[in-house]
N, C-alpha and C. Protein backbone atom coordinates (compact mmCIF):
# COMPACT_ATOMS: atom_id res chain seq x y z
N UNK A 1 7.68 36.69 -24.67
CA UNK A 1 6.34 37.21 -24.53
C UNK A 1 5.32 36.16 -24.94
N UNK A 2 5.66 35.32 -25.91
CA UNK A 2 4.72 34.28 -26.30
C UNK A 2 4.53 33.24 -25.20
N UNK A 3 5.58 32.98 -24.39
CA UNK A 3 5.43 32.01 -23.31
C UNK A 3 4.45 32.51 -22.26
N UNK A 4 4.40 33.84 -22.05
CA UNK A 4 3.45 34.38 -21.09
C UNK A 4 2.02 34.23 -21.60
N UNK A 5 1.85 34.27 -22.91
CA UNK A 5 0.51 34.11 -23.48
C UNK A 5 0.09 32.64 -23.42
N UNK A 6 1.02 31.72 -23.61
CA UNK A 6 0.68 30.30 -23.61
C UNK A 6 0.44 29.76 -22.21
N UNK A 7 1.06 30.33 -21.18
CA UNK A 7 0.92 29.81 -19.83
C UNK A 7 -0.51 29.89 -19.31
N UNK A 8 -1.23 31.03 -19.46
CA UNK A 8 -2.60 31.04 -18.95
C UNK A 8 -3.52 30.04 -19.67
N UNK A 9 -3.33 29.83 -20.97
CA UNK A 9 -4.19 28.87 -21.67
C UNK A 9 -3.90 27.45 -21.18
N UNK A 10 -2.63 27.18 -20.85
CA UNK A 10 -2.30 25.85 -20.34
C UNK A 10 -2.97 25.65 -18.98
N UNK A 11 -2.95 26.66 -18.13
CA UNK A 11 -3.61 26.54 -16.84
C UNK A 11 -5.11 26.42 -17.00
N UNK A 12 -5.67 27.17 -17.92
CA UNK A 12 -7.11 27.11 -18.14
C UNK A 12 -7.51 25.73 -18.64
N UNK A 13 -6.76 25.17 -19.57
CA UNK A 13 -7.11 23.85 -20.09
C UNK A 13 -6.93 22.79 -19.01
N UNK A 14 -5.93 22.95 -18.16
CA UNK A 14 -5.75 21.99 -17.06
C UNK A 14 -6.94 22.06 -16.11
N UNK A 15 -7.33 23.26 -15.72
CA UNK A 15 -8.46 23.40 -14.81
C UNK A 15 -9.75 22.90 -15.45
N UNK A 16 -9.94 23.21 -16.71
CA UNK A 16 -11.14 22.73 -17.40
C UNK A 16 -11.13 21.20 -17.45
N UNK A 17 -9.99 20.62 -17.78
CA UNK A 17 -9.88 19.17 -17.81
C UNK A 17 -10.04 18.56 -16.43
N UNK A 18 -9.54 19.27 -15.41
CA UNK A 18 -9.64 18.77 -14.04
C UNK A 18 -11.08 18.74 -13.57
N UNK A 19 -11.82 19.79 -13.84
CA UNK A 19 -13.19 19.86 -13.38
C UNK A 19 -14.17 19.10 -14.27
N UNK A 20 -13.80 18.82 -15.50
CA UNK A 20 -14.64 18.03 -16.39
C UNK A 20 -14.26 16.55 -16.38
N UNK A 21 -13.28 16.18 -15.58
CA UNK A 21 -12.78 14.81 -15.49
C UNK A 21 -12.27 14.29 -16.82
N UNK A 22 -11.71 15.18 -17.63
CA UNK A 22 -11.09 14.75 -18.88
C UNK A 22 -9.74 14.10 -18.60
N UNK A 23 -9.06 14.60 -17.59
CA UNK A 23 -7.77 14.03 -17.18
C UNK A 23 -7.96 13.38 -15.82
N UNK A 24 -7.63 12.10 -15.72
CA UNK A 24 -7.82 11.36 -14.48
C UNK A 24 -6.52 11.36 -13.69
N UNK A 25 -6.63 11.66 -12.41
CA UNK A 25 -5.45 11.75 -11.56
C UNK A 25 -5.28 10.51 -10.67
N UNK A 26 -6.20 9.57 -10.78
CA UNK A 26 -6.15 8.41 -9.90
C UNK A 26 -4.90 7.58 -10.10
N UNK A 27 -4.38 7.50 -11.31
CA UNK A 27 -3.17 6.72 -11.56
C UNK A 27 -2.00 7.27 -10.75
N UNK A 28 -1.92 8.58 -10.65
CA UNK A 28 -0.86 9.19 -9.83
C UNK A 28 -1.09 8.92 -8.35
N UNK A 29 -2.34 9.00 -7.93
CA UNK A 29 -2.68 8.78 -6.52
C UNK A 29 -2.40 7.33 -6.13
N UNK A 30 -2.68 6.39 -7.03
CA UNK A 30 -2.45 4.97 -6.73
C UNK A 30 -0.96 4.72 -6.51
N UNK A 31 -0.12 5.37 -7.28
CA UNK A 31 1.33 5.20 -7.10
C UNK A 31 1.77 5.72 -5.73
N UNK A 32 1.20 6.83 -5.30
CA UNK A 32 1.53 7.38 -3.98
C UNK A 32 1.04 6.44 -2.88
N UNK A 33 -0.18 5.91 -3.03
CA UNK A 33 -0.72 4.97 -2.04
C UNK A 33 0.15 3.72 -1.97
N UNK A 34 0.65 3.26 -3.10
CA UNK A 34 1.50 2.07 -3.13
C UNK A 34 2.80 2.31 -2.36
N UNK A 35 3.42 3.44 -2.58
CA UNK A 35 4.68 3.74 -1.89
C UNK A 35 4.44 3.89 -0.38
N UNK A 36 3.38 4.59 -0.01
CA UNK A 36 3.06 4.75 1.42
C UNK A 36 2.77 3.38 2.04
N UNK A 37 2.05 2.53 1.31
CA UNK A 37 1.76 1.19 1.81
C UNK A 37 3.01 0.35 1.98
N UNK A 38 3.95 0.49 1.04
CA UNK A 38 5.21 -0.25 1.15
C UNK A 38 6.01 0.16 2.38
N UNK A 39 5.82 1.38 2.83
CA UNK A 39 6.51 1.84 4.03
C UNK A 39 5.75 1.41 5.29
N UNK A 40 4.42 1.56 5.27
CA UNK A 40 3.63 1.33 6.48
C UNK A 40 3.40 -0.15 6.80
N UNK A 41 3.23 -0.98 5.79
CA UNK A 41 2.92 -2.40 6.05
C UNK A 41 4.03 -3.08 6.86
N UNK A 42 5.30 -2.97 6.50
CA UNK A 42 6.33 -3.60 7.34
C UNK A 42 6.41 -3.00 8.74
N UNK A 43 6.21 -1.70 8.85
CA UNK A 43 6.27 -1.09 10.18
C UNK A 43 5.17 -1.65 11.07
N UNK A 44 3.96 -1.73 10.54
CA UNK A 44 2.83 -2.19 11.34
C UNK A 44 2.91 -3.68 11.64
N UNK A 45 3.16 -4.50 10.62
CA UNK A 45 3.12 -5.94 10.84
C UNK A 45 4.31 -6.45 11.65
N UNK A 46 5.51 -6.11 11.21
CA UNK A 46 6.69 -6.61 11.91
C UNK A 46 6.84 -5.91 13.27
N UNK A 47 6.56 -4.60 13.29
CA UNK A 47 6.60 -3.88 14.56
C UNK A 47 5.60 -4.42 15.56
N UNK A 48 4.38 -4.69 15.10
CA UNK A 48 3.37 -5.26 15.99
C UNK A 48 3.75 -6.65 16.45
N UNK A 49 4.30 -7.45 15.56
CA UNK A 49 4.74 -8.79 15.95
C UNK A 49 5.85 -8.75 16.98
N UNK A 50 6.78 -7.84 16.83
CA UNK A 50 7.87 -7.71 17.80
C UNK A 50 7.33 -7.26 19.15
N UNK A 51 6.39 -6.32 19.14
CA UNK A 51 5.81 -5.84 20.41
C UNK A 51 5.08 -6.98 21.12
N UNK A 52 4.29 -7.76 20.39
CA UNK A 52 3.58 -8.89 21.00
C UNK A 52 4.57 -9.93 21.50
N UNK A 53 5.61 -10.21 20.73
CA UNK A 53 6.61 -11.18 21.15
C UNK A 53 7.34 -10.71 22.41
N UNK A 54 7.67 -9.43 22.47
CA UNK A 54 8.32 -8.90 23.67
C UNK A 54 7.39 -8.95 24.87
N UNK A 55 6.09 -8.72 24.63
CA UNK A 55 5.12 -8.85 25.72
C UNK A 55 5.05 -10.27 26.24
N UNK A 56 5.09 -11.25 25.33
CA UNK A 56 5.11 -12.65 25.75
C UNK A 56 6.38 -12.99 26.50
N UNK A 57 7.50 -12.45 26.06
CA UNK A 57 8.77 -12.67 26.75
C UNK A 57 8.74 -12.05 28.14
N UNK A 58 8.20 -10.87 28.24
CA UNK A 58 8.08 -10.20 29.54
C UNK A 58 7.18 -11.01 30.47
N UNK A 59 6.07 -11.51 29.96
CA UNK A 59 5.17 -12.32 30.78
C UNK A 59 5.86 -13.59 31.24
N UNK A 60 6.65 -14.16 30.37
CA UNK A 60 7.37 -15.38 30.73
C UNK A 60 8.39 -15.11 31.83
N UNK A 61 9.11 -14.01 31.71
CA UNK A 61 10.11 -13.67 32.73
C UNK A 61 9.41 -13.31 34.05
N UNK A 62 8.29 -12.59 33.97
CA UNK A 62 7.58 -12.19 35.18
C UNK A 62 7.01 -13.40 35.91
N UNK A 63 6.62 -14.43 35.17
CA UNK A 63 6.03 -15.62 35.78
C UNK A 63 7.03 -16.76 35.89
N UNK A 64 8.31 -16.45 35.88
CA UNK A 64 9.36 -17.47 35.83
C UNK A 64 9.26 -18.44 37.01
N UNK A 65 8.91 -17.97 38.17
CA UNK A 65 8.88 -18.85 39.34
C UNK A 65 7.75 -19.87 39.27
N UNK A 66 6.74 -19.59 38.45
CA UNK A 66 5.60 -20.50 38.34
C UNK A 66 5.68 -21.39 37.11
N UNK A 67 6.64 -21.14 36.25
CA UNK A 67 6.72 -21.89 35.00
C UNK A 67 7.42 -23.22 35.18
N UNK A 68 6.90 -24.20 34.49
CA UNK A 68 7.62 -25.46 34.38
C UNK A 68 8.44 -25.41 33.10
N UNK A 69 9.27 -26.39 32.90
CA UNK A 69 10.09 -26.41 31.70
C UNK A 69 9.21 -26.50 30.45
N UNK A 70 8.18 -27.32 30.50
CA UNK A 70 7.30 -27.49 29.34
C UNK A 70 6.57 -26.18 29.03
N UNK A 71 6.14 -25.46 30.05
CA UNK A 71 5.46 -24.19 29.82
C UNK A 71 6.41 -23.14 29.24
N UNK A 72 7.66 -23.14 29.69
CA UNK A 72 8.64 -22.19 29.17
C UNK A 72 8.94 -22.48 27.70
N UNK A 73 9.08 -23.76 27.35
CA UNK A 73 9.33 -24.14 25.96
C UNK A 73 8.13 -23.74 25.10
N UNK A 74 6.93 -23.97 25.61
CA UNK A 74 5.72 -23.59 24.87
C UNK A 74 5.67 -22.08 24.66
N UNK A 75 6.00 -21.33 25.69
CA UNK A 75 5.99 -19.86 25.57
C UNK A 75 7.03 -19.38 24.55
N UNK A 76 8.21 -19.95 24.56
CA UNK A 76 9.24 -19.58 23.59
C UNK A 76 8.79 -19.95 22.18
N UNK A 77 8.17 -21.13 22.03
CA UNK A 77 7.65 -21.55 20.72
C UNK A 77 6.61 -20.56 20.23
N UNK A 78 5.72 -20.10 21.11
CA UNK A 78 4.69 -19.14 20.72
C UNK A 78 5.29 -17.80 20.32
N UNK A 79 6.35 -17.39 20.98
CA UNK A 79 7.04 -16.15 20.61
C UNK A 79 7.64 -16.27 19.21
N UNK A 80 8.27 -17.39 18.92
CA UNK A 80 8.86 -17.62 17.59
C UNK A 80 7.76 -17.66 16.53
N UNK A 81 6.65 -18.33 16.83
CA UNK A 81 5.53 -18.39 15.89
C UNK A 81 4.99 -16.99 15.63
N UNK A 82 4.90 -16.15 16.66
CA UNK A 82 4.41 -14.78 16.49
C UNK A 82 5.33 -13.98 15.56
N UNK A 83 6.63 -14.14 15.72
CA UNK A 83 7.56 -13.42 14.84
C UNK A 83 7.46 -13.92 13.39
N UNK A 84 7.32 -15.23 13.21
CA UNK A 84 7.16 -15.77 11.86
C UNK A 84 5.85 -15.28 11.25
N UNK A 85 4.77 -15.26 12.05
CA UNK A 85 3.48 -14.79 11.57
C UNK A 85 3.54 -13.32 11.16
N UNK A 86 4.33 -12.53 11.88
CA UNK A 86 4.48 -11.11 11.53
C UNK A 86 5.16 -10.96 10.18
N UNK A 87 6.18 -11.75 9.91
CA UNK A 87 6.88 -11.68 8.62
C UNK A 87 5.95 -12.15 7.49
N UNK A 88 5.21 -13.22 7.74
CA UNK A 88 4.27 -13.73 6.72
C UNK A 88 3.18 -12.69 6.45
N UNK A 89 2.67 -12.05 7.52
CA UNK A 89 1.65 -11.01 7.34
C UNK A 89 2.20 -9.84 6.54
N UNK A 90 3.47 -9.52 6.74
CA UNK A 90 4.10 -8.43 5.99
C UNK A 90 4.15 -8.78 4.50
N UNK A 91 4.59 -9.98 4.18
CA UNK A 91 4.71 -10.40 2.78
C UNK A 91 3.32 -10.46 2.13
N UNK A 92 2.35 -11.04 2.82
CA UNK A 92 1.00 -11.14 2.27
C UNK A 92 0.39 -9.75 2.11
N UNK A 93 0.62 -8.87 3.07
CA UNK A 93 0.09 -7.51 2.98
C UNK A 93 0.65 -6.75 1.78
N UNK A 94 1.94 -6.88 1.56
CA UNK A 94 2.56 -6.21 0.41
C UNK A 94 2.04 -6.81 -0.89
N UNK A 95 1.87 -8.13 -0.93
CA UNK A 95 1.33 -8.77 -2.13
C UNK A 95 -0.10 -8.31 -2.41
N UNK A 96 -0.94 -8.25 -1.38
CA UNK A 96 -2.32 -7.80 -1.57
C UNK A 96 -2.38 -6.33 -1.98
N UNK A 97 -1.50 -5.52 -1.41
CA UNK A 97 -1.44 -4.11 -1.81
C UNK A 97 -1.08 -4.00 -3.29
N UNK A 98 -0.10 -4.77 -3.72
CA UNK A 98 0.32 -4.75 -5.13
C UNK A 98 -0.83 -5.19 -6.04
N UNK A 99 -1.53 -6.26 -5.68
CA UNK A 99 -2.64 -6.75 -6.50
C UNK A 99 -3.76 -5.71 -6.58
N UNK A 100 -4.06 -5.07 -5.47
CA UNK A 100 -5.11 -4.05 -5.46
C UNK A 100 -4.72 -2.86 -6.34
N UNK A 101 -3.49 -2.39 -6.20
CA UNK A 101 -3.05 -1.25 -7.00
C UNK A 101 -3.01 -1.61 -8.49
N UNK A 102 -2.58 -2.83 -8.82
CA UNK A 102 -2.58 -3.26 -10.22
C UNK A 102 -4.01 -3.32 -10.76
N UNK A 103 -4.95 -3.79 -9.96
CA UNK A 103 -6.34 -3.86 -10.39
C UNK A 103 -6.88 -2.47 -10.71
N UNK A 104 -6.60 -1.51 -9.86
CA UNK A 104 -7.05 -0.13 -10.11
C UNK A 104 -6.38 0.42 -11.36
N UNK A 105 -5.07 0.16 -11.53
CA UNK A 105 -4.36 0.67 -12.70
C UNK A 105 -4.89 0.04 -13.99
N UNK A 106 -5.25 -1.24 -13.95
CA UNK A 106 -5.80 -1.90 -15.15
C UNK A 106 -7.10 -1.23 -15.56
N UNK A 107 -7.94 -0.91 -14.60
CA UNK A 107 -9.20 -0.23 -14.92
C UNK A 107 -8.93 1.10 -15.61
N UNK A 108 -7.96 1.85 -15.12
CA UNK A 108 -7.67 3.14 -15.72
C UNK A 108 -6.94 3.01 -17.05
N UNK A 109 -6.15 1.96 -17.23
CA UNK A 109 -5.54 1.72 -18.54
C UNK A 109 -6.62 1.36 -19.57
N UNK A 110 -7.62 0.59 -19.16
CA UNK A 110 -8.74 0.29 -20.06
C UNK A 110 -9.42 1.59 -20.47
N UNK A 111 -9.62 2.49 -19.51
CA UNK A 111 -10.24 3.78 -19.81
C UNK A 111 -9.40 4.58 -20.81
N UNK A 112 -8.09 4.60 -20.60
CA UNK A 112 -7.22 5.33 -21.52
C UNK A 112 -7.29 4.73 -22.93
N UNK A 113 -7.30 3.40 -23.02
CA UNK A 113 -7.37 2.75 -24.32
C UNK A 113 -8.70 3.04 -25.01
N UNK A 114 -9.78 3.05 -24.25
CA UNK A 114 -11.08 3.37 -24.83
C UNK A 114 -11.13 4.81 -25.32
N UNK A 115 -10.51 5.73 -24.58
CA UNK A 115 -10.46 7.12 -25.03
C UNK A 115 -9.63 7.24 -26.31
N UNK A 116 -8.54 6.49 -26.40
CA UNK A 116 -7.71 6.52 -27.61
C UNK A 116 -8.49 5.97 -28.80
N UNK A 117 -9.24 4.90 -28.59
CA UNK A 117 -10.08 4.36 -29.67
C UNK A 117 -11.15 5.37 -30.09
N UNK A 118 -11.75 6.03 -29.11
CA UNK A 118 -12.78 7.02 -29.43
C UNK A 118 -12.17 8.17 -30.22
N UNK A 119 -11.00 8.63 -29.82
CA UNK A 119 -10.34 9.72 -30.54
C UNK A 119 -9.93 9.29 -31.95
N UNK A 120 -9.48 8.06 -32.10
CA UNK A 120 -9.09 7.57 -33.42
C UNK A 120 -10.30 7.43 -34.33
N UNK A 121 -11.41 6.95 -33.78
CA UNK A 121 -12.63 6.82 -34.58
C UNK A 121 -13.22 8.19 -34.93
N UNK A 122 -13.03 9.18 -34.07
CA UNK A 122 -13.53 10.52 -34.36
C UNK A 122 -12.74 11.15 -35.50
N UNK A 123 -11.47 10.78 -35.68
CA UNK A 123 -10.64 11.34 -36.74
C UNK A 123 -10.95 10.70 -38.09
N UNK A 124 -11.50 9.50 -38.05
CA UNK A 124 -11.77 8.78 -39.31
C UNK A 124 -13.00 9.30 -39.99
C-alpha cells in the first residue's frame, strides 16, 4: 500500500521537473541521435557512392562503341575515385557526428557540475 502512495508523488515530481526544466533530457536525446546517425551515415554515403559508381559504369557500357581505351581507363578511374570518396565521406561524417554529440554532452555535463556546486553551496 505504501508503494501506491509513493508512485503518484514520483510521477508528480517528474512532471514538475519536466515542465520546470529541472531535469534535462537532451543527454538522452543526443545518445539516440548518435545511434541513428551511426546507422544512417554509412547507408547514405556508401550507398550513394555505389549508386553513382554504378551509374558511371552503366554510362560507360552504354557508350562502349564510342569509347577509346584512354576514355575507358579514365571512366574506370573515376568510378574507383567515387567509391573511395564515399568511404572517406562515411568516416568523416561519423567523426563529425561524434564531435558534435560530444560538444553537446560537454555543455550538459558543465550544467550538471554547476548544479552540483550550487546544491553543495546551498547546504553549507
